[in-house]
Amino acid sequence: MLDREVIKKFLGEEILDLNITLPQDISIEQLTNAFCLYVENDYFEWLRENSKSFFATNANGIDWNSVKELIKVIN
């Protein structure tokens, strides 16, 4: 989960920097929540896609040798 206060501050700065005026019927809290949900949904989809390639499968299931090679590269 994203830190709503950090995102609220970020959006506030972006709004000021871009000289954007929020409509009266949208609060910064509503905008923050909507933005966070949008980013989190995109983030989780990105994680799902990357996990598919990280946990590559072969005829026997997950290719653990491939995972071990990735671990070696990182360490």
Protein backbone atom coordinates (compact mmCIF):
# COMPACT_ATOMS: atom_id res chain seq x y z
CA MET A 1 0.00 0.00 0.00
CA LEU A 2 1.18 3.47 -0.80
CA ASP A 3 1.62 6.01 1.96
CA ARG A 4 -1.41 8.25 1.41
CA GLU A 5 0.18 11.23 3.18
CA VAL A 6 3.27 11.07 0.96
CA ILE A 7 1.10 10.82 -2.16
CA LYS A 8 -1.12 13.68 -0.95
CA LYS A 9 1.96 15.87 -0.53
CA PHE A 10 3.30 14.79 -3.94
CA LEU A 11 -0.02 15.56 -5.67
CA GLY A 12 -0.28 18.89 -3.89
CA GLU A 13 3.15 19.87 -5.17
CA GLU A 14 2.34 18.66 -8.68
CA ILE A 15 -0.90 20.63 -8.68
CA LEU A 16 0.97 23.78 -7.65
CA ASP A 17 3.86 23.22 -10.08
CA LEU A 18 1.49 22.62 -13.00
CA ASN A 19 -0.82 25.43 -11.95
CA ILE A 20 -3.81 23.08 -11.84
CA THR A 21 -7.07 24.03 -10.16
CA LEU A 22 -9.07 21.15 -8.73
CA PRO A 23 -12.80 21.22 -9.38
CA GLN A 24 -14.74 22.25 -6.27
CA ASP A 25 -16.41 18.85 -6.05
CA ILE A 26 -13.08 16.94 -5.86
CA SER A 27 -11.08 17.17 -2.64
CA ILE A 28 -7.37 16.50 -2.39
CA GLU A 29 -8.24 13.46 -0.26
CA GLN A 30 -10.52 12.06 -2.98
CA LEU A 31 -7.88 12.72 -5.60
CA THR A 32 -5.22 11.08 -3.43
CA ASN A 33 -7.32 7.96 -2.85
CA ALA A 34 -8.22 7.62 -6.52
CA PHE A 35 -4.61 8.13 -7.61
CA CYS A 36 -3.34 5.60 -5.06
CA LEU A 37 -5.84 2.97 -6.17
CA TYR A 38 -4.94 3.59 -9.81
CA VAL A 39 -1.20 3.23 -9.12
CA GLU A 40 -1.64 0.22 -6.83
CA ASN A 41 -3.74 -1.63 -9.40
CA ASP A 42 -1.15 -0.94 -12.07
CA TYR A 43 1.65 -1.95 -9.70
CA PHE A 44 0.03 -5.28 -8.82
CA GLU A 45 -0.56 -6.04 -12.50
CA TRP A 46 3.10 -5.26 -13.16
CA LEU A 47 4.10 -7.62 -10.32
CA ARG A 48 1.91 -10.39 -11.74
CA GLU A 49 3.48 -10.08 -15.17
CA ASN A 50 7.01 -10.04 -13.76
CA SER A 51 6.36 -13.02 -11.52
CA LYS A 52 5.35 -15.03 -14.59
CA SER A 53 8.71 -14.39 -16.21
CA PHE A 54 10.66 -14.76 -12.94
CA PHE A 55 9.04 -18.12 -12.21
CA ALA A 56 9.47 -19.44 -15.73
CA THR A 57 7.99 -22.88 -16.15
CA ASN A 58 9.05 -25.92 -18.08
CA ALA A 59 7.53 -29.38 -18.51
CA ASN A 60 8.26 -30.13 -14.82
CA GLY A 61 6.76 -26.94 -13.41
CA ILE A 62 8.83 -24.01 -12.15
CA ASP A 63 12.34 -23.94 -13.55
CA TRP A 64 14.17 -23.67 -10.23
CA ASN A 65 17.55 -23.79 -11.99
CA SER A 66 16.64 -20.54 -13.71
CA VAL A 67 15.66 -18.99 -10.37
CA LYS A 68 18.94 -20.17 -8.83
CA GLU A 69 20.86 -18.52 -11.67
CA LEU A 70 19.03 -15.25 -11.08
CA ILE A 71 19.85 -15.46 -7.38
CA LYS A 72 23.54 -16.03 -8.20
CA VAL A 73 23.59 -12.95 -10.41
CA ILE A 74 22.05 -10.80 -7.68
CA ASN A 75 24.31 -12.08 -4.92
